């Protein structure tokens, strides 16, 4: 087990390094010059060159990369080109809100997906099973902004049930503040759950159908063990193993979907910060945001791998 965890940790570190490197290179390939955007229209060439020099954009690419990695290892993400504040402080302010959004969506996806997929497998070819198949295929084809905008129009604009924008009411405190946060969180979370719960439940349903037909399940029934116990204690444990891998992949989808979701709902997380930084070519902010999101996904996948090994010691890859 120790060797398994060590290898997974080393793989996680390598993955984060690869993500950091790819992000650094891709940002430099984006069209547009950050110095020109900051200087504004009509700025002199001397001012633009001065800005490039101030931000180190005139140095060789390899030098910029080495400096970036050195700062990253020290927890220094540099200064925002546009806001002129430490990037680390921006990430610290925004990351908890993104983790709250993606974490809530992930937990709700699991809480809804497990019973939904399990019951569909138990009642195979029934109404619930057919409905899940249709919903799973349809939700896989949905686009995050489309779902977000639809929910926004219906439940926020037309019905007025939910507020949008900042998760914090500056005039609220205590339970009123928590209620305001929850109110503004519902629609973004619901958007991500609608997109992800169908494929997850459908995958679990397929696995459970196979497990329920295996020899050890038939033997348990022959011994007179209650059907409910067979399903929820024995079959679900084996059926969850392939679904755990999908859970890890869905975390990546949730992280990516949060960028679009936060932008549509004006939710003050890293996603919205990333969108604004893309428009402004704010390299330090973009790099830090991608690193934070990549690290969160990789760590979550690491936990998923460990959980798979705990459920089935035969897992080695």
C-alpha atoms as a PDB file:
ATOM      1  CA  UNK A   1       0.000   0.000   0.000  1.00  0.00           C
ATOM      2  CA  UNK A   2       2.835   2.404   0.819  1.00  0.00           C
ATOM      3  CA  UNK A   3       4.485   1.762  -2.540  1.00  0.00           C
ATOM      4  CA  UNK A   4       1.138   2.260  -4.286  1.00  0.00           C
ATOM      5  CA  UNK A   5       0.590   5.631  -2.569  1.00  0.00           C
ATOM      6  CA  UNK A   6       4.210   6.721  -3.220  1.00  0.00           C
ATOM      7  CA  UNK A   7       3.890   5.960  -6.931  1.00  0.00           C
ATOM      8  CA  UNK A   8       0.591   7.845  -7.093  1.00  0.00           C
ATOM      9  CA  UNK A   9       2.110  10.857  -5.329  1.00  0.00           C
ATOM     10  CA  UNK A  10       5.048  10.908  -7.752  1.00  0.00           C
ATOM     11  CA  UNK A  11       2.629  10.641 -10.668  1.00  0.00           C
ATOM     12  CA  UNK A  12       0.580  13.506  -9.225  1.00  0.00           C
ATOM     13  CA  UNK A  13       3.671  15.716  -8.913  1.00  0.00           C
ATOM     14  CA  UNK A  14       4.669  14.933 -12.499  1.00  0.00           C
ATOM     15  CA  UNK A  15       1.155  15.699 -13.716  1.00  0.00           C
ATOM     16  CA  UNK A  16       1.087  19.061 -11.953  1.00  0.00           C
ATOM     17  CA  UNK A  17       4.508  19.937 -13.405  1.00  0.00           C
ATOM     18  CA  UNK A  18       3.287  18.997 -16.896  1.00  0.00           C
ATOM     19  CA  UNK A  19       0.139  21.087 -16.436  1.00  0.00           C
ATOM     20  CA  UNK A  20       2.202  24.049 -15.228  1.00  0.00           C
ATOM     21  CA  UNK A  21       4.586  23.800 -18.183  1.00  0.00           C
ATOM     22  CA  UNK A  22       1.839  23.427 -20.794  1.00  0.00           C
ATOM     23  CA  UNK A  23      -0.059  26.338 -19.276  1.00  0.00           C
ATOM     24  CA  UNK A  24       3.028  28.558 -19.334  1.00  0.00           C
ATOM     25  CA  UNK A  25       3.729  27.783 -22.994  1.00  0.00           C
ATOM     26  CA  UNK A  26       0.124  28.054 -24.180  1.00  0.00           C
ATOM     27  CA  UNK A  27      -0.328  31.455 -22.585  1.00  0.00           C
ATOM     28  CA  UNK A  28       2.653  32.767 -24.524  1.00  0.00           C
ATOM     29  CA  UNK A  29       0.991  31.580 -27.733  1.00  0.00           C
ATOM     30  CA  UNK A  30      -2.158  33.620 -27.113  1.00  0.00           C
ATOM     31  CA  UNK A  31      -2.572  36.482 -29.576  1.00  0.00           C
ATOM     32  CA  UNK A  32      -2.132  39.967 -28.165  1.00  0.00           C
ATOM     33  CA  UNK A  33       0.550  41.714 -26.177  1.00  0.00           C
ATOM     34  CA  UNK A  34      -0.201  42.261 -22.456  1.00  0.00           C
ATOM     35  CA  UNK A  35       1.940  45.404 -22.462  1.00  0.00           C
ATOM     36  CA  UNK A  36      -0.113  46.926 -25.283  1.00  0.00           C
ATOM     37  CA  UNK A  37      -3.387  46.072 -23.534  1.00  0.00           C
ATOM     38  CA  UNK A  38      -2.221  47.620 -20.274  1.00  0.00           C
ATOM     39  CA  UNK A  39      -0.826  50.718 -21.953  1.00  0.00           C
ATOM     40  CA  UNK A  40      -4.070  51.276 -23.838  1.00  0.00           C
ATOM     41  CA  UNK A  41      -4.770  52.643 -27.276  1.00  0.00           C
ATOM     42  CA  UNK A  42      -2.513  55.421 -28.522  1.00  0.00           C
ATOM     43  CA  UNK A  43       0.280  54.597 -26.081  1.00  0.00           C
ATOM     44  CA  UNK A  44       3.811  55.364 -27.234  1.00  0.00           C
ATOM     45  CA  UNK A  45       6.179  52.588 -28.196  1.00  0.00           C
ATOM     46  CA  UNK A  46       8.532  53.727 -25.442  1.00  0.00           C
ATOM     47  CA  UNK A  47       5.824  53.193 -22.808  1.00  0.00           C
ATOM     48  CA  UNK A  48       4.997  49.761 -24.189  1.00  0.00           C
ATOM     49  CA  UNK A  49       8.650  48.721 -24.183  1.00  0.00           C
ATOM     50  CA  UNK A  50       9.003  50.009 -20.627  1.00  0.00           C
ATOM     51  CA  UNK A  51       6.046  47.887 -19.529  1.00  0.00           C
ATOM     52  CA  UNK A  52       7.482  44.823 -21.259  1.00  0.00           C
ATOM     53  CA  UNK A  53      10.736  45.353 -19.409  1.00  0.00           C
ATOM     54  CA  UNK A  54       8.975  45.937 -16.065  1.00  0.00           C
ATOM     55  CA  UNK A  55       7.020  42.672 -16.358  1.00  0.00           C
ATOM     56  CA  UNK A  56       9.952  40.699 -17.759  1.00  0.00           C
ATOM     57  CA  UNK A  57       8.197  40.041 -21.048  1.00  0.00           C
ATOM     58  CA  UNK A  58      11.264  41.046 -23.014  1.00  0.00           C
ATOM     59  CA  UNK A  59      13.413  38.291 -21.522  1.00  0.00           C
ATOM     60  CA  UNK A  60      14.030  34.935 -23.256  1.00  0.00           C
ATOM     61  CA  UNK A  61      11.189  32.424 -22.855  1.00  0.00           C
ATOM     62  CA  UNK A  62      13.394  29.919 -21.016  1.00  0.00           C
ATOM     63  CA  UNK A  63      14.434  32.577 -18.502  1.00  0.00           C
ATOM     64  CA  UNK A  64      10.808  33.485 -17.879  1.00  0.00           C
ATOM     65  CA  UNK A  65       9.953  29.805 -17.387  1.00  0.00           C
ATOM     66  CA  UNK A  66      12.777  29.189 -14.903  1.00  0.00           C
ATOM     67  CA  UNK A  67      11.857  32.311 -12.946  1.00  0.00           C
ATOM     68  CA  UNK A  68       8.213  31.239 -12.925  1.00  0.00           C
ATOM     69  CA  UNK A  69       9.057  27.769 -11.579  1.00  0.00           C
ATOM     70  CA  UNK A  70      11.372  29.260  -8.963  1.00  0.00           C
ATOM     71  CA  UNK A  71       8.653  31.605  -7.750  1.00  0.00           C
ATOM     72  CA  UNK A  72       6.088  28.803  -7.817  1.00  0.00           C
ATOM     73  CA  UNK A  73       8.209  26.615  -5.545  1.00  0.00           C
ATOM     74  CA  UNK A  74       8.351  29.518  -3.079  1.00  0.00           C
ATOM     75  CA  UNK A  75       4.634  30.207  -3.314  1.00  0.00           C
ATOM     76  CA  UNK A  76       5.253  33.446  -5.194  1.00  0.00           C
ATOM     77  CA  UNK A  77       2.977  33.836  -8.246  1.00  0.00           C
ATOM     78  CA  UNK A  78       4.102  37.364  -8.954  1.00  0.00           C
ATOM     79  CA  UNK A  79       2.033  40.527  -9.348  1.00  0.00           C
ATOM     80  CA  UNK A  80      -1.083  40.950 -11.438  1.00  0.00           C
ATOM     81  CA  UNK A  81      -0.367  43.027 -14.529  1.00  0.00           C
ATOM     82  CA  UNK A  82      -3.795  44.669 -14.412  1.00  0.00           C
ATOM     83  CA  UNK A  83      -4.732  44.880 -10.713  1.00  0.00           C
ATOM     84  CA  UNK A  84      -1.160  45.449  -9.494  1.00  0.00           C
ATOM     85  CA  UNK A  85      -1.638  43.241  -6.431  1.00  0.00           C
ATOM     86  CA  UNK A  86      -0.067  39.949  -5.428  1.00  0.00           C
ATOM     87  CA  UNK A  87      -1.607  37.097  -7.404  1.00  0.00           C
ATOM     88  CA  UNK A  88      -1.443  34.807  -4.375  1.00  0.00           C
ATOM     89  CA  UNK A  89      -3.867  37.075  -2.517  1.00  0.00           C
ATOM     90  CA  UNK A  90      -6.309  36.981  -5.448  1.00  0.00           C
ATOM     91  CA  UNK A  91      -6.196  33.176  -5.505  1.00  0.00           C
ATOM     92  CA  UNK A  92      -6.602  32.905  -1.732  1.00  0.00           C
ATOM     93  CA  UNK A  93      -9.684  35.156  -1.909  1.00  0.00           C
ATOM     94  CA  UNK A  94     -11.299  33.289  -4.822  1.00  0.00           C
ATOM     95  CA  UNK A  95     -10.284  29.640  -4.325  1.00  0.00           C
ATOM     96  CA  UNK A  96     -12.591  28.907  -1.340  1.00  0.00           C
ATOM     97  CA  UNK A  97     -15.626  29.987  -3.379  1.00  0.00           C
ATOM     98  CA  UNK A  98     -14.666  27.758  -6.304  1.00  0.00           C
ATOM     99  CA  UNK A  99     -14.014  24.831  -3.969  1.00  0.00           C
ATOM    100  CA  UNK A 100     -17.407  25.431  -2.367  1.00  0.00           C
ATOM    101  CA  UNK A 101     -19.081  25.403  -5.794  1.00  0.00           C
ATOM    102  CA  UNK A 102     -17.300  22.377  -7.252  1.00  0.00           C
ATOM    103  CA  UNK A 103     -17.320  20.478  -3.951  1.00  0.00           C
ATOM    104  CA  UNK A 104     -21.060  20.993  -3.483  1.00  0.00           C
ATOM    105  CA  UNK A 105     -21.748  19.965  -7.087  1.00  0.00           C
ATOM    106  CA  UNK A 106     -19.534  16.896  -6.761  1.00  0.00           C
ATOM    107  CA  UNK A 107     -21.099  15.718  -3.500  1.00  0.00           C
ATOM    108  CA  UNK A 108     -24.622  16.277  -4.809  1.00  0.00           C
ATOM    109  CA  UNK A 109     -23.769  14.421  -8.018  1.00  0.00           C
ATOM    110  CA  UNK A 110     -22.623  11.418  -5.990  1.00  0.00           C
ATOM    111  CA  UNK A 111     -25.581  11.548  -3.574  1.00  0.00           C
ATOM    112  CA  UNK A 112     -28.055  11.633  -6.462  1.00  0.00           C
ATOM    113  CA  UNK A 113     -26.116   9.430  -8.879  1.00  0.00           C
ATOM    114  CA  UNK A 114     -25.510   6.443  -6.593  1.00  0.00           C
ATOM    115  CA  UNK A 115     -29.147   5.694  -5.678  1.00  0.00           C
ATOM    116  CA  UNK A 116     -30.337   6.640  -9.172  1.00  0.00           C
ATOM    117  CA  UNK A 117     -27.887   4.333 -10.946  1.00  0.00           C
ATOM    118  CA  UNK A 118     -28.382   1.535  -8.420  1.00  0.00           C
ATOM    119  CA  UNK A 119     -32.188   1.560  -8.591  1.00  0.00           C
ATOM    120  CA  UNK A 120     -32.097   1.706 -12.384  1.00  0.00           C
ATOM    121  CA  UNK A 121     -29.902  -1.425 -12.412  1.00  0.00           C
ATOM    122  CA  UNK A 122     -32.141  -3.243  -9.942  1.00  0.00           C
ATOM    123  CA  UNK A 123     -35.246  -2.382 -11.984  1.00  0.00           C
ATOM    124  CA  UNK A 124     -33.615  -3.025 -15.311  1.00  0.00           C
ATOM    125  CA  UNK A 125     -35.634  -2.028 -18.398  1.00  0.00           C
ATOM    126  CA  UNK A 126     -38.214  -0.370 -16.179  1.00  0.00           C
ATOM    127  CA  UNK A 127     -39.453   3.209 -16.380  1.00  0.00           C
ATOM    128  CA  UNK A 128     -36.613   4.566 -14.216  1.00  0.00           C
ATOM    129  CA  UNK A 129     -33.994   2.687 -16.226  1.00  0.00           C
ATOM    130  CA  UNK A 130     -35.265   3.923 -19.569  1.00  0.00           C
ATOM    131  CA  UNK A 131     -35.536   7.459 -18.242  1.00  0.00           C
ATOM    132  CA  UNK A 132     -31.968   7.361 -16.902  1.00  0.00           C
ATOM    133  CA  UNK A 133     -30.637   6.155 -20.255  1.00  0.00           C
ATOM    134  CA  UNK A 134     -32.331   9.035 -22.055  1.00  0.00           C
ATOM    135  CA  UNK A 135     -31.260  11.606 -19.482  1.00  0.00           C
ATOM    136  CA  UNK A 136     -27.670  10.317 -19.374  1.00  0.00           C
ATOM    137  CA  UNK A 137     -27.287  10.601 -23.141  1.00  0.00           C
ATOM    138  CA  UNK A 138     -28.986  14.013 -23.259  1.00  0.00           C
ATOM    139  CA  UNK A 139     -26.973  15.508 -20.380  1.00  0.00           C
ATOM    140  CA  UNK A 140     -23.732  14.373 -22.029  1.00  0.00           C
ATOM    141  CA  UNK A 141     -24.604  16.570 -25.002  1.00  0.00           C
ATOM    142  CA  UNK A 142     -25.539  19.636 -22.965  1.00  0.00           C
ATOM    143  CA  UNK A 143     -23.342  22.741 -22.980  1.00  0.00           C
ATOM    144  CA  UNK A 144     -22.677  24.373 -19.602  1.00  0.00           C
ATOM    145  CA  UNK A 145     -23.500  27.977 -20.640  1.00  0.00           C
ATOM    146  CA  UNK A 146     -26.757  26.834 -22.282  1.00  0.00           C
ATOM    147  CA  UNK A 147     -27.982  25.167 -19.085  1.00  0.00           C
ATOM    148  CA  UNK A 148     -26.749  28.069 -16.950  1.00  0.00           C
ATOM    149  CA  UNK A 149     -28.470  30.714 -19.061  1.00  0.00           C
ATOM    150  CA  UNK A 150     -31.731  28.728 -19.127  1.00  0.00           C
ATOM    151  CA  UNK A 151     -31.752  28.361 -15.328  1.00  0.00           C
ATOM    152  CA  UNK A 152     -30.824  32.016 -14.976  1.00  0.00           C
ATOM    153  CA  UNK A 153     -33.709  33.184 -17.149  1.00  0.00           C
ATOM    154  CA  UNK A 154     -36.347  30.912 -15.620  1.00  0.00           C
ATOM    155  CA  UNK A 155     -35.508  30.856 -11.909  1.00  0.00           C
ATOM    156  CA  UNK A 156     -33.701  34.170 -11.401  1.00  0.00           C
ATOM    157  CA  UNK A 157     -35.047  36.591 -13.997  1.00  0.00           C
ATOM    158  CA  UNK A 158     -38.636  35.345 -14.492  1.00  0.00           C
ATOM    159  CA  UNK A 159     -39.540  33.720 -11.164  1.00  0.00           C
ATOM    160  CA  UNK A 160     -37.114  35.711  -9.016  1.00  0.00           C
ATOM    161  CA  UNK A 161     -36.482  32.765  -6.706  1.00  0.00           C
ATOM    162  CA  UNK A 162     -32.716  33.134  -6.626  1.00  0.00           C
ATOM    163  CA  UNK A 163     -30.254  36.005  -6.594  1.00  0.00           C
ATOM    164  CA  UNK A 164     -27.193  36.123  -8.810  1.00  0.00           C
ATOM    165  CA  UNK A 165     -23.836  37.817  -8.599  1.00  0.00           C
ATOM    166  CA  UNK A 166     -21.665  38.108  -5.524  1.00  0.00           C
ATOM    167  CA  UNK A 167     -22.037  35.368  -2.916  1.00  0.00           C
ATOM    168  CA  UNK A 168     -21.818  37.942  -0.124  1.00  0.00           C
ATOM    169  CA  UNK A 169     -24.297  40.552   1.001  1.00  0.00           C
ATOM    170  CA  UNK A 170     -22.212  43.296   2.676  1.00  0.00           C
ATOM    171  CA  UNK A 171     -25.132  44.250   4.909  1.00  0.00           C
ATOM    172  CA  UNK A 172     -25.878  40.701   6.108  1.00  0.00           C
ATOM    173  CA  UNK A 173     -24.352  38.712   8.933  1.00  0.00           C
ATOM    174  CA  UNK A 174     -24.780  35.391  10.689  1.00  0.00           C
ATOM    175  CA  UNK A 175     -27.583  33.172   9.381  1.00  0.00           C
ATOM    176  CA  UNK A 176     -28.742  35.872   6.983  1.00  0.00           C
ATOM    177  CA  UNK A 177     -25.295  35.908   5.385  1.00  0.00           C
ATOM    178  CA  UNK A 178     -25.225  32.108   5.120  1.00  0.00           C
ATOM    179  CA  UNK A 179     -28.689  32.143   3.602  1.00  0.00           C
ATOM    180  CA  UNK A 180     -27.562  34.667   1.004  1.00  0.00           C
ATOM    181  CA  UNK A 181     -24.566  32.513   0.084  1.00  0.00           C
ATOM    182  CA  UNK A 182     -26.763  29.412  -0.237  1.00  0.00           C
ATOM    183  CA  UNK A 183     -29.293  31.299  -2.351  1.00  0.00           C
ATOM    184  CA  UNK A 184     -26.644  32.427  -4.809  1.00  0.00           C
ATOM    185  CA  UNK A 185     -25.047  28.968  -4.874  1.00  0.00           C
ATOM    186  CA  UNK A 186     -28.124  26.963  -5.880  1.00  0.00           C
ATOM    187  CA  UNK A 187     -28.245  27.714  -9.604  1.00  0.00           C
ATOM    188  CA  UNK A 188     -24.487  27.340 -10.299  1.00  0.00           C
ATOM    189  CA  UNK A 189     -24.442  24.030  -8.411  1.00  0.00           C
ATOM    190  CA  UNK A 190     -27.591  22.829 -10.161  1.00  0.00           C
ATOM    191  CA  UNK A 191     -26.020  23.634 -13.529  1.00  0.00           C
ATOM    192  CA  UNK A 192     -22.992  21.453 -12.851  1.00  0.00           C
ATOM    193  CA  UNK A 193     -25.090  18.634 -11.370  1.00  0.00           C
ATOM    194  CA  UNK A 194     -27.403  18.494 -14.397  1.00  0.00           C
ATOM    195  CA  UNK A 195     -24.392  18.186 -16.684  1.00  0.00           C
ATOM    196  CA  UNK A 196     -22.596  15.501 -14.652  1.00  0.00           C
ATOM    197  CA  UNK A 197     -25.130  13.359 -12.787  1.00  0.00           C
ATOM    198  CA  UNK A 198     -26.532  11.651 -15.902  1.00  0.00           C
ATOM    199  CA  UNK A 199     -23.248  10.163 -17.195  1.00  0.00           C
ATOM    200  CA  UNK A 200     -22.179   9.171 -13.671  1.00  0.00           C
ATOM    201  CA  UNK A 201     -25.462   7.430 -12.810  1.00  0.00           C
ATOM    202  CA  UNK A 202     -25.525   5.733 -16.220  1.00  0.00           C
ATOM    203  CA  UNK A 203     -21.997   4.380 -15.744  1.00  0.00           C
ATOM    204  CA  UNK A 204     -22.840   3.097 -12.272  1.00  0.00           C
ATOM    205  CA  UNK A 205     -26.029   1.512 -13.615  1.00  0.00           C
ATOM    206  CA  UNK A 206     -24.096  -0.376 -16.308  1.00  0.00           C
ATOM    207  CA  UNK A 207     -21.564  -1.631 -13.752  1.00  0.00           C
ATOM    208  CA  UNK A 208     -24.274  -2.671 -11.313  1.00  0.00           C
ATOM    209  CA  UNK A 209     -26.130  -4.653 -13.999  1.00  0.00           C
ATOM    210  CA  UNK A 210     -22.972  -6.697 -14.576  1.00  0.00           C
ATOM    211  CA  UNK A 211     -22.270  -7.169 -10.860  1.00  0.00           C
ATOM    212  CA  UNK A 212     -25.822  -8.288 -10.075  1.00  0.00           C
ATOM    213  CA  UNK A 213     -25.404 -11.123 -12.593  1.00  0.00           C
ATOM    214  CA  UNK A 214     -22.151 -12.432 -11.115  1.00  0.00           C
ATOM    215  CA  UNK A 215     -21.773 -15.721  -9.308  1.00  0.00           C
ATOM    216  CA  UNK A 216     -21.133 -14.336  -5.825  1.00  0.00           C
ATOM    217  CA  UNK A 217     -24.382 -12.338  -5.948  1.00  0.00           C
ATOM    218  CA  UNK A 218     -26.384 -15.403  -6.997  1.00  0.00           C
ATOM    219  CA  UNK A 219     -24.693 -17.375  -4.217  1.00  0.00           C
ATOM    220  CA  UNK A 220     -25.655 -14.701  -1.667  1.00  0.00           C
ATOM    221  CA  UNK A 221     -29.265 -14.909  -2.797  1.00  0.00           C
ATOM    222  CA  UNK A 222     -29.177 -18.693  -2.537  1.00  0.00           C
ATOM    223  CA  UNK A 223     -28.035 -18.372   1.087  1.00  0.00           C
ATOM    224  CA  UNK A 224     -31.109 -16.291   1.836  1.00  0.00           C
ATOM    225  CA  UNK A 225     -29.375 -12.961   2.419  1.00  0.00           C
ATOM    226  CA  UNK A 226     -31.810 -10.061   2.162  1.00  0.00           C
ATOM    227  CA  UNK A 227     -31.923  -8.474  -1.300  1.00  0.00           C
ATOM    228  CA  UNK A 228     -31.452  -4.969   0.109  1.00  0.00           C
ATOM    229  CA  UNK A 229     -28.260  -6.073   1.874  1.00  0.00           C
ATOM    230  CA  UNK A 230     -26.952  -7.789  -1.257  1.00  0.00           C
ATOM    231  CA  UNK A 231     -27.484  -4.664  -3.346  1.00  0.00           C
ATOM    232  CA  UNK A 232     -26.226  -1.975  -1.003  1.00  0.00           C
ATOM    233  CA  UNK A 233     -23.465  -3.864   0.807  1.00  0.00           C
ATOM    234  CA  UNK A 234     -22.042  -6.358  -1.657  1.00  0.00           C
ATOM    235  CA  UNK A 235     -22.990  -5.411  -5.222  1.00  0.00           C
ATOM    236  CA  UNK A 236     -22.573  -1.649  -4.836  1.00  0.00           C
ATOM    237  CA  UNK A 237     -19.029  -2.003  -3.514  1.00  0.00           C
ATOM    238  CA  UNK A 238     -17.915  -3.821  -6.671  1.00  0.00           C
ATOM    239  CA  UNK A 239     -20.049  -1.661  -8.947  1.00  0.00           C
ATOM    240  CA  UNK A 240     -18.487   1.501  -7.539  1.00  0.00           C
ATOM    241  CA  UNK A 241     -14.942   0.632  -8.631  1.00  0.00           C
ATOM    242  CA  UNK A 242     -15.227   1.645 -12.316  1.00  0.00           C
ATOM    243  CA  UNK A 243     -17.433   4.564 -11.309  1.00  0.00           C
ATOM    244  CA  UNK A 244     -14.674   5.871  -9.032  1.00  0.00           C
ATOM    245  CA  UNK A 245     -12.460   6.401 -12.071  1.00  0.00           C
ATOM    246  CA  UNK A 246     -15.255   8.410 -13.663  1.00  0.00           C
ATOM    247  CA  UNK A 247     -15.562  10.458 -10.464  1.00  0.00           C
ATOM    248  CA  UNK A 248     -11.951  11.522 -10.885  1.00  0.00           C
ATOM    249  CA  UNK A 249     -12.567  12.527 -14.493  1.00  0.00           C
ATOM    250  CA  UNK A 250     -15.703  14.407 -13.514  1.00  0.00           C
ATOM    251  CA  UNK A 251     -13.704  16.529 -11.106  1.00  0.00           C
ATOM    252  CA  UNK A 252     -11.774  17.794 -14.099  1.00  0.00           C
ATOM    253  CA  UNK A 253     -15.048  18.458 -15.918  1.00  0.00           C
ATOM    254  CA  UNK A 254     -16.397  20.291 -12.873  1.00  0.00           C
ATOM    255  CA  UNK A 255     -13.264  22.440 -12.685  1.00  0.00           C
ATOM    256  CA  UNK A 256     -13.547  23.308 -16.366  1.00  0.00           C
ATOM    257  CA  UNK A 257     -17.290  23.816 -16.152  1.00  0.00           C
ATOM    258  CA  UNK A 258     -16.873  26.123 -13.167  1.00  0.00           C
ATOM    259  CA  UNK A 259     -15.070  28.672 -15.369  1.00  0.00           C
ATOM    260  CA  UNK A 260     -18.099  28.983 -17.648  1.00  0.00           C
ATOM    261  CA  UNK A 261     -20.634  28.646 -14.828  1.00  0.00           C
ATOM    262  CA  UNK A 262     -19.008  31.326 -12.680  1.00  0.00           C
ATOM    263  CA  UNK A 263     -18.830  33.660 -15.658  1.00  0.00           C
ATOM    264  CA  UNK A 264     -22.537  33.280 -16.500  1.00  0.00           C
ATOM    265  CA  UNK A 265     -23.678  33.696 -12.883  1.00  0.00           C
ATOM    266  CA  UNK A 266     -21.064  36.353 -11.995  1.00  0.00           C
ATOM    267  CA  UNK A 267     -19.946  34.014  -9.214  1.00  0.00           C
ATOM    268  CA  UNK A 268     -16.753  35.359  -7.583  1.00  0.00           C
ATOM    269  CA  UNK A 269     -14.561  32.275  -7.886  1.00  0.00           C
ATOM    270  CA  UNK A 270     -11.402  31.399  -9.759  1.00  0.00           C
ATOM    271  CA  UNK A 271     -13.419  30.691 -12.901  1.00  0.00           C
ATOM    272  CA  UNK A 272     -14.608  34.270 -13.183  1.00  0.00           C
ATOM    273  CA  UNK A 273     -11.113  35.515 -12.318  1.00  0.00           C
ATOM    274  CA  UNK A 274      -9.685  33.315 -15.068  1.00  0.00           C
ATOM    275  CA  UNK A 275     -12.153  34.587 -17.662  1.00  0.00           C
ATOM    276  CA  UNK A 276     -11.280  38.196 -16.862  1.00  0.00           C
ATOM    277  CA  UNK A 277      -7.548  37.426 -16.932  1.00  0.00           C
ATOM    278  CA  UNK A 278      -7.872  35.823 -20.391  1.00  0.00           C
ATOM    279  CA  UNK A 279      -9.492  38.959 -21.743  1.00  0.00           C
ATOM    280  CA  UNK A 280      -6.731  41.107 -20.203  1.00  0.00           C
ATOM    281  CA  UNK A 281      -3.797  38.751 -20.994  1.00  0.00           C
ATOM    282  CA  UNK A 282      -2.891  38.850 -17.309  1.00  0.00           C
ATOM    283  CA  UNK A 283      -0.314  36.025 -17.414  1.00  0.00           C
ATOM    284  CA  UNK A 284       0.488  35.787 -13.678  1.00  0.00           C
ATOM    285  CA  UNK A 285      -3.183  35.493 -12.731  1.00  0.00           C
ATOM    286  CA  UNK A 286      -3.875  32.932 -15.453  1.00  0.00           C
ATOM    287  CA  UNK A 287      -0.865  30.835 -14.490  1.00  0.00           C
ATOM    288  CA  UNK A 288      -1.801  30.834 -10.810  1.00  0.00           C
ATOM    289  CA  UNK A 289      -5.453  30.041 -11.544  1.00  0.00           C
ATOM    290  CA  UNK A 290      -4.579  27.106 -13.781  1.00  0.00           C
ATOM    291  CA  UNK A 291      -2.069  25.795 -11.258  1.00  0.00           C
ATOM    292  CA  UNK A 292      -4.653  25.966  -8.461  1.00  0.00           C
ATOM    293  CA  UNK A 293      -7.317  24.210 -10.542  1.00  0.00           C
ATOM    294  CA  UNK A 294      -4.879  21.578 -11.827  1.00  0.00           C
ATOM    295  CA  UNK A 295      -3.566  20.860  -8.331  1.00  0.00           C
ATOM    296  CA  UNK A 296      -7.116  20.494  -6.980  1.00  0.00           C
ATOM    297  CA  UNK A 297      -8.074  18.022  -9.720  1.00  0.00           C
ATOM    298  CA  UNK A 298      -4.846  16.014  -9.411  1.00  0.00           C
ATOM    299  CA  UNK A 299      -5.172  15.759  -5.625  1.00  0.00           C
ATOM    300  CA  UNK A 300      -8.796  14.673  -5.960  1.00  0.00           C
ATOM    301  CA  UNK A 301      -7.774  11.988  -8.467  1.00  0.00           C
ATOM    302  CA  UNK A 302      -5.068  10.859  -6.061  1.00  0.00           C
ATOM    303  CA  UNK A 303      -7.699  10.375  -3.359  1.00  0.00           C
ATOM    304  CA  UNK A 304      -9.883   8.507  -5.867  1.00  0.00           C
ATOM    305  CA  UNK A 305      -7.028   6.109  -6.671  1.00  0.00           C
ATOM    306  CA  UNK A 306      -6.410   5.458  -2.983  1.00  0.00           C
ATOM    307  CA  UNK A 307     -10.122   4.818  -2.406  1.00  0.00           C
ATOM    308  CA  UNK A 308     -10.137   2.339  -5.307  1.00  0.00           C
ATOM    309  CA  UNK A 309      -7.202   0.487  -3.753  1.00  0.00           C
ATOM    310  CA  UNK A 310      -8.945   0.393  -0.363  1.00  0.00           C
ATOM    311  CA  UNK A 311     -12.124  -1.036  -1.921  1.00  0.00           C
ATOM    312  CA  UNK A 312     -10.184  -3.544  -4.017  1.00  0.00           C
ATOM    313  CA  UNK A 313      -6.580  -4.372  -3.025  1.00  0.00           C
ATOM    314  CA  UNK A 314      -6.090  -5.939  -6.470  1.00  0.00           C
ATOM    315  CA  UNK A 315      -6.006  -2.497  -8.081  1.00  0.00           C
ATOM    316  CA  UNK A 316      -2.423  -1.829  -9.136  1.00  0.00           C
ATOM    317  CA  UNK A 317      -2.664   0.656 -12.040  1.00  0.00           C
END
